[in-house]
Amino acid sequence: MTGKVPGIAGVEHIGFTVPDLDAAVAFFVDVLGCQKIYEVGPFQSDGDWMQTHLGVDRRAVMKRLAFLRCGHGSNFEIFEYDAPDQARTPPANSDVGGHHLAFYALDFDTAYAALQDSGVSILGVPTYRADGPSGGQTWVYFLTPWGMQCELVSFPGRKAYERATLHRLWHPVHPQE
C-alpha cells in the first residue's frame, strides 16, 4: 500500500449492529441524550449483493438502520440484521474487532452519577490518570443493555501530552484545534 487517500476530512459516522434497533435507539436517546435523525429499511437481495457489497451472508436481511447524532461527535449508523450466520455475542475488548464508544463528559462527576442512576452496568470504578500522555483524564467503562462496551471520559484541563507537542487529537469541545 502506498500513499494516502487524498481529501479525507474526518470520520463522518461509526456503524455497528445491535440485536434490537428500537431498544438501542431508546438507550442512546433516553440515557445518553443522542438524537435520532432518520431510519430506513428493510434491505435484502435475491442475489449476492449483500455478500459482495457488505461482506455478510448473501441471505442476510438488514431489517432496519437508524442514524443518530450525539453532541459534537461522529454520527452513529445503527443496524439490525437477520442473518443465518449471525454471532449474537458482542466481542470482548481484547478480541480482534473488539471496540468501544467513548462519550466525552463536560462534567464527569455529574455524568457518572446520571449513568449510575440510569441502571446501566458500570465496569469497575472511575480511573484517573495523573501521569503519562493521558494525564488529566478520568474514565470508566459501562455496558449497553445488549452488552456493547462504552466509555465515559473527561479531561477538562486537557491531556498531559499537549505540553510536549503541537499535535492534537480531535476533541468535541475544541474541534478546530
Protein backbone atom coordinates (compact mmCIF):
# COMPACT_ATOMS: atom_id res chain seq x y z
CA MET A 1 0.00 0.00 0.00
CA THR A 2 1.43 3.34 -0.98
CA GLY A 3 0.43 6.93 -0.46
CA LYS A 4 -2.52 8.43 1.32
CA VAL A 5 -6.12 8.81 0.25
CA PRO A 6 -6.50 12.48 -0.70
CA GLY A 7 -9.29 14.62 0.66
CA ILE A 8 -10.17 12.73 3.84
CA ALA A 9 -11.89 15.33 6.04
CA GLY A 10 -12.65 13.20 9.11
CA VAL A 11 -14.88 10.44 10.49
CA GLU A 12 -18.48 11.08 9.37
CA HIS A 13 -20.08 8.12 11.12
CA ILE A 14 -19.42 4.95 13.08
CA GLY A 15 -21.58 1.94 12.24
CA PHE A 16 -22.41 -1.01 14.47
CA THR A 17 -25.01 -3.76 14.70
CA VAL A 18 -27.44 -4.25 17.58
CA PRO A 19 -29.91 -7.04 18.35
CA ASP A 20 -32.95 -4.72 18.63
CA LEU A 21 -32.95 -1.34 16.87
CA ASP A 22 -35.82 0.13 18.89
CA ALA A 23 -34.16 -0.76 22.21
CA ALA A 24 -30.79 0.57 21.04
CA VAL A 25 -32.23 3.86 19.80
CA ALA A 26 -34.15 4.24 23.07
CA PHE A 27 -30.93 3.68 25.05
CA PHE A 28 -28.88 6.19 23.07
CA VAL A 29 -31.68 8.79 23.10
CA ASP A 30 -33.14 8.34 26.59
CA VAL A 31 -29.95 7.53 28.55
CA LEU A 32 -27.16 9.29 26.63
CA GLY A 33 -29.10 12.16 25.04
CA CYS A 34 -28.41 11.39 21.38
CA GLN A 35 -30.89 12.50 18.70
CA LYS A 36 -32.43 10.10 16.19
CA ILE A 37 -32.24 11.70 12.73
CA TYR A 38 -33.78 9.08 10.43
CA GLU A 39 -34.43 5.38 9.82
CA VAL A 40 -34.59 3.24 6.66
CA GLY A 41 -35.03 -0.40 5.69
CA PRO A 42 -35.50 -3.26 5.20
CA PHE A 43 -32.89 -4.25 2.63
CA GLN A 44 -32.24 -7.69 1.17
CA SER A 45 -31.08 -9.20 -2.08
CA ASP A 46 -32.12 -12.16 -4.20
CA GLY A 47 -28.55 -12.46 -5.48
CA ASP A 48 -25.17 -11.91 -3.89
CA TRP A 49 -25.41 -8.11 -3.38
CA MET A 50 -25.30 -8.35 0.44
CA GLN A 51 -22.21 -10.58 0.29
CA THR A 52 -20.44 -8.56 -2.40
CA HIS A 53 -21.14 -5.09 -1.00
CA LEU A 54 -21.33 -5.68 2.76
CA GLY A 55 -19.36 -8.89 3.33
CA VAL A 56 -22.28 -10.65 5.04
CA ASP A 57 -24.13 -13.88 4.23
CA ARG A 58 -25.93 -13.44 0.91
CA ARG A 59 -29.22 -14.34 2.65
CA ALA A 60 -28.79 -11.66 5.32
CA VAL A 61 -31.60 -9.16 5.76
CA MET A 62 -30.80 -5.70 7.03
CA LYS A 63 -34.10 -5.26 8.83
CA ARG A 64 -33.59 -1.55 9.55
CA LEU A 65 -30.92 1.03 10.18
CA ALA A 66 -31.07 4.34 12.00
CA PHE A 67 -28.79 7.36 12.01
CA LEU A 68 -28.23 9.17 15.30
CA ARG A 69 -26.30 12.28 16.24
CA CYS A 70 -24.69 12.57 19.62
CA GLY A 71 -23.44 16.02 20.61
CA HIS A 72 -20.47 17.27 18.61
CA GLY A 73 -19.03 13.87 17.64
CA SER A 74 -19.38 11.38 14.83
CA ASN A 75 -22.81 10.20 13.79
CA PHE A 76 -23.92 6.62 14.53
CA GLU A 77 -25.33 4.28 11.89
CA ILE A 78 -27.04 1.51 13.85
CA PHE A 79 -28.06 -1.71 12.05
CA GLU A 80 -30.43 -4.52 12.93
CA TYR A 81 -29.81 -7.67 10.85
CA ASP A 82 -31.32 -11.09 10.50
CA ALA A 83 -28.63 -13.43 9.14
CA PRO A 84 -28.17 -17.22 9.21
CA ASP A 85 -24.57 -16.99 10.45
CA GLN A 86 -25.00 -14.03 12.83
CA ALA A 87 -22.92 -14.02 16.02
CA ARG A 88 -25.05 -12.72 18.90
CA THR A 89 -22.31 -12.13 21.49
CA PRO A 90 -20.50 -8.77 21.43
CA PRO A 91 -16.71 -9.12 21.10
CA ALA A 92 -14.57 -8.55 24.18
CA ASN A 93 -12.32 -5.51 24.12
CA SER A 94 -9.35 -7.87 23.68
CA ASP A 95 -10.90 -9.69 20.67
CA VAL A 96 -9.92 -8.76 17.13
CA GLY A 97 -12.69 -6.37 16.16
CA GLY A 98 -13.31 -5.53 19.80
CA HIS A 99 -14.33 -1.94 20.29
CA HIS A 100 -15.98 0.64 22.47
CA LEU A 101 -17.67 4.02 22.03
CA ALA A 102 -16.30 6.82 24.19
CA PHE A 103 -18.61 9.66 25.25
CA TYR A 104 -16.95 12.87 26.41
CA ALA A 105 -18.50 14.44 29.53
CA LEU A 106 -18.14 18.14 30.29
CA ASP A 107 -18.65 17.33 33.99
CA PHE A 108 -17.53 13.77 34.71
CA ASP A 109 -18.99 13.50 38.22
CA THR A 110 -22.45 14.67 37.14
CA ALA A 111 -22.48 12.40 34.08
CA TYR A 112 -21.20 9.44 36.13
CA ALA A 113 -23.95 9.93 38.72
CA ALA A 114 -26.56 10.02 35.93
CA LEU A 115 -25.14 6.77 34.49
CA GLN A 116 -25.37 5.17 37.92
CA ASP A 117 -28.98 6.38 38.30
CA SER A 118 -29.89 5.00 34.85
CA GLY A 119 -29.16 1.46 35.98
CA VAL A 120 -26.60 0.63 33.28
CA SER A 121 -23.91 -1.86 34.19
CA ILE A 122 -20.72 0.03 35.07
CA LEU A 123 -17.40 -1.82 34.93
CA GLY A 124 -15.30 -1.03 37.98
CA VAL A 125 -14.88 2.48 39.30
CA PRO A 126 -13.64 5.62 37.54
CA THR A 127 -9.93 5.65 36.75
CA TYR A 128 -7.96 8.88 36.96
CA ARG A 129 -4.69 9.18 35.04
CA ALA A 130 -2.29 11.53 36.79
CA ASP A 131 0.81 10.71 34.73
CA GLY A 132 1.82 9.89 31.17
CA PRO A 133 0.40 11.27 27.94
CA SER A 134 -3.19 10.75 29.16
CA GLY A 135 -2.52 12.58 32.43
CA GLY A 136 -5.56 14.61 33.50
CA GLN A 137 -8.06 12.11 32.09
CA THR A 138 -10.82 10.35 34.04
CA TRP A 139 -12.72 7.42 32.51
CA VAL A 140 -14.97 4.45 33.27
CA TYR A 141 -16.44 1.73 31.04
CA PHE A 142 -20.13 0.83 31.02
CA LEU A 143 -22.29 -1.58 29.04
CA THR A 144 -25.30 -1.00 26.84
CA PRO A 145 -28.29 -3.24 27.63
CA TRP A 146 -27.11 -5.66 24.89
CA GLY A 147 -23.53 -5.82 26.22
CA MET A 148 -21.65 -3.42 23.93
CA GLN A 149 -18.84 -1.59 25.71
CA CYS A 150 -18.92 2.19 26.08
CA GLU A 151 -16.75 4.65 27.96
CA LEU A 152 -17.45 7.87 29.81
CA VAL A 153 -14.36 10.08 29.59
CA SER A 154 -13.36 13.60 30.57
CA PHE A 155 -10.22 15.71 30.68
CA PRO A 156 -11.34 19.30 31.24
CA GLY A 157 -7.79 20.52 31.96
CA ARG A 158 -6.61 18.87 28.72
CA LYS A 159 -4.33 15.83 28.45
CA ALA A 160 -0.69 15.97 29.51
CA TYR A 161 0.66 15.07 26.04
CA GLU A 162 -0.37 18.55 24.86
CA ARG A 163 2.51 20.09 26.82
CA ALA A 164 5.05 18.18 24.70
CA THR A 165 3.71 18.68 21.15
CA LEU A 166 1.69 21.00 18.97
CA HIS A 167 -0.21 17.98 17.54
CA ARG A 168 -3.71 17.50 18.91
CA LEU A 169 -6.23 14.69 18.99
CA TRP A 170 -9.71 15.79 17.93
CA HIS A 171 -11.76 16.99 20.89
CA PRO A 172 -15.54 17.62 20.99
CA VAL A 173 -15.07 20.86 22.95
CA HIS A 174 -12.12 22.15 20.92
CA PRO A 175 -12.83 20.67 17.44
CA GLN A 176 -10.85 23.23 15.44
CA GLU A 177 -7.50 22.64 17.13
